[in-house]
């Protein structure tokens, strides 16, 4: 990472498992983010298209689960990158991390988070892509 640290802002969280989405939302909110949850890929892309058409910087981050019910999460990731090429994206997956890292190794502002994850793991990834997040126990 180079340059100024990124500040928390609006996040598009794409997660179909309600409990995982609830926990991720809570942790992200504790770090100072505002969170919009999309339970599947089409909802996420519809939300992103609407948001980015009116405000190019509508989201400061997207966090996308690989296993979505209506389309692969990687389709969502690629579509988000077309809509907002500079948008930092966290890909969350419980499998195939090596394949994901190999496929996206040259993509800037993209990070991987293994599932299951906790607040410390999410904090590490957020800091790794440049966000200024405080320790939760402060």
Protein backbone atom coordinates (compact mmCIF):
# COMPACT_ATOMS: atom_id res chain seq x y z
CA UNK A 1 0.00 0.00 0.00
CA UNK A 2 1.21 3.48 -0.80
CA UNK A 3 -0.19 6.91 -0.15
CA UNK A 4 -2.75 8.03 2.35
CA UNK A 5 -4.74 5.53 4.41
CA UNK A 6 -8.30 4.94 3.29
CA UNK A 7 -11.04 5.96 5.70
CA UNK A 8 -14.07 3.79 6.48
CA UNK A 9 -17.19 4.66 4.51
CA UNK A 10 -19.97 2.75 2.74
CA UNK A 11 -19.46 -0.97 2.13
CA UNK A 12 -21.37 -3.28 -0.19
CA UNK A 13 -21.46 -6.64 1.59
CA UNK A 14 -22.52 -9.49 -0.71
CA UNK A 15 -23.31 -12.50 1.48
CA UNK A 16 -26.18 -14.98 1.25
CA UNK A 17 -25.81 -16.59 4.68
CA UNK A 18 -27.83 -14.42 7.11
CA UNK A 19 -25.72 -15.21 10.19
CA UNK A 20 -22.43 -14.55 8.37
CA UNK A 21 -23.85 -11.31 6.94
CA UNK A 22 -25.04 -10.22 10.39
CA UNK A 23 -21.65 -10.85 12.01
CA UNK A 24 -19.70 -9.24 9.15
CA UNK A 25 -22.01 -6.23 9.23
CA UNK A 26 -21.56 -5.85 12.97
CA UNK A 27 -17.76 -6.04 12.76
CA UNK A 28 -17.60 -3.62 9.82
CA UNK A 29 -19.86 -1.17 11.67
CA UNK A 30 -17.61 -1.41 14.72
CA UNK A 31 -14.74 -0.35 12.44
CA UNK A 32 -16.74 2.71 11.37
CA UNK A 33 -18.19 1.52 8.06
CA UNK A 34 -21.82 1.84 7.00
CA UNK A 35 -22.98 -1.42 5.44
CA UNK A 36 -25.42 -2.28 2.69
CA UNK A 37 -26.10 -6.03 2.57
CA UNK A 38 -27.01 -7.75 -0.69
CA UNK A 39 -28.06 -11.41 -0.25
CA UNK A 40 -27.24 -12.43 -3.83
CA UNK A 41 -25.32 -11.30 -6.86
CA UNK A 42 -28.09 -9.65 -8.84
CA UNK A 43 -29.16 -7.58 -5.81
CA UNK A 44 -25.55 -6.49 -5.34
CA UNK A 45 -25.08 -5.49 -8.97
CA UNK A 46 -28.41 -3.66 -9.10
CA UNK A 47 -27.51 -1.74 -5.94
CA UNK A 48 -24.02 -0.95 -7.26
CA UNK A 49 -25.28 0.22 -10.66
CA UNK A 50 -27.80 2.55 -9.03
CA UNK A 51 -25.33 3.88 -6.47
CA UNK A 52 -22.42 4.39 -8.85
CA UNK A 53 -24.60 6.05 -11.51
CA UNK A 54 -25.47 8.84 -9.10
CA UNK A 55 -22.31 8.95 -6.94
CA UNK A 56 -19.10 7.54 -8.47
CA UNK A 57 -17.60 7.02 -4.99
CA UNK A 58 -20.80 5.57 -3.47
CA UNK A 59 -18.93 2.65 -1.91
CA UNK A 60 -15.40 2.66 -0.55
CA UNK A 61 -15.27 -1.14 -0.36
CA UNK A 62 -17.06 -4.28 -1.49
CA UNK A 63 -16.86 -7.60 0.32
CA UNK A 64 -18.06 -10.49 -1.83
CA UNK A 65 -18.70 -14.12 -0.92
CA UNK A 66 -17.61 -16.52 -3.66
CA UNK A 67 -20.53 -18.93 -3.17
CA UNK A 68 -23.72 -17.04 -4.00
CA UNK A 69 -27.05 -18.68 -4.88
CA UNK A 70 -27.72 -16.96 -8.20
CA UNK A 71 -24.27 -16.46 -9.74
CA UNK A 72 -20.63 -17.03 -8.88
CA UNK A 73 -19.18 -14.36 -6.62
CA UNK A 74 -16.33 -13.92 -9.08
CA UNK A 75 -18.85 -12.70 -11.68
CA UNK A 76 -19.95 -10.10 -9.14
CA UNK A 77 -16.31 -9.15 -8.48
CA UNK A 78 -15.58 -8.72 -12.19
CA UNK A 79 -18.77 -6.71 -12.73
CA UNK A 80 -17.97 -4.44 -9.78
CA UNK A 81 -14.48 -3.90 -11.20
CA UNK A 82 -16.07 -2.80 -14.51
CA UNK A 83 -18.40 -0.38 -12.70
CA UNK A 84 -15.71 1.02 -10.38
CA UNK A 85 -12.18 -0.08 -11.35
CA UNK A 86 -10.52 1.46 -8.28
CA UNK A 87 -12.97 -0.03 -5.76
CA UNK A 88 -11.16 -2.15 -3.15
CA UNK A 89 -12.74 -5.60 -2.98
CA UNK A 90 -12.40 -8.36 -0.41
CA UNK A 91 -13.21 -11.84 -1.72
CA UNK A 92 -14.43 -14.10 1.08
CA UNK A 93 -14.23 -17.84 0.51
CA UNK A 94 -14.00 -21.04 2.47
CA UNK A 95 -12.24 -22.85 -0.38
CA UNK A 96 -9.96 -22.47 -3.40
CA UNK A 97 -7.95 -19.57 -1.96
CA UNK A 98 -4.82 -20.54 -3.90
CA UNK A 99 -6.76 -20.57 -7.18
CA UNK A 100 -8.35 -17.20 -6.37
CA UNK A 101 -5.03 -15.62 -5.48
CA UNK A 102 -3.48 -16.94 -8.67
CA UNK A 103 -6.37 -15.68 -10.82
CA UNK A 104 -6.35 -12.20 -9.26
CA UNK A 105 -2.72 -11.76 -8.19
CA UNK A 106 -2.13 -8.80 -10.51
CA UNK A 107 -5.31 -6.96 -9.52
CA UNK A 108 -4.65 -3.98 -7.24
CA UNK A 109 -6.87 -3.31 -4.23
CA UNK A 110 -8.10 -6.89 -4.09
CA UNK A 111 -7.73 -9.05 -1.01
CA UNK A 112 -8.77 -12.50 0.11
CA UNK A 113 -10.35 -13.50 3.39
CA UNK A 114 -10.72 -17.15 4.31
CA UNK A 115 -13.99 -18.29 5.81
CA UNK A 116 -14.75 -18.68 8.60
CA UNK A 117 -13.17 -15.41 9.70
CA UNK A 118 -13.22 -13.27 12.80
CA UNK A 119 -12.83 -9.59 13.56
CA UNK A 120 -9.04 -9.83 13.81
CA UNK A 121 -8.81 -11.53 10.40
CA UNK A 122 -11.06 -8.94 8.81
CA UNK A 123 -9.07 -6.14 10.46
CA UNK A 124 -5.83 -7.56 9.07
CA UNK A 125 -7.25 -7.68 5.53
CA UNK A 126 -8.74 -4.18 5.79
CA UNK A 127 -5.40 -2.78 6.91
CA UNK A 128 -3.63 -4.75 4.17
CA UNK A 129 -5.64 -3.00 1.45
CA UNK A 130 -5.09 0.38 3.04
CA UNK A 131 -7.94 1.14 5.44
CA UNK A 132 -7.25 2.98 8.67
CA UNK A 133 -9.16 0.84 11.17
CA UNK A 134 -8.67 1.01 14.91
CA UNK A 135 -8.31 -1.95 17.21
CA UNK A 136 -11.73 -3.01 18.45
CA UNK A 137 -10.56 -3.30 22.04
CA UNK A 138 -9.58 0.41 22.16
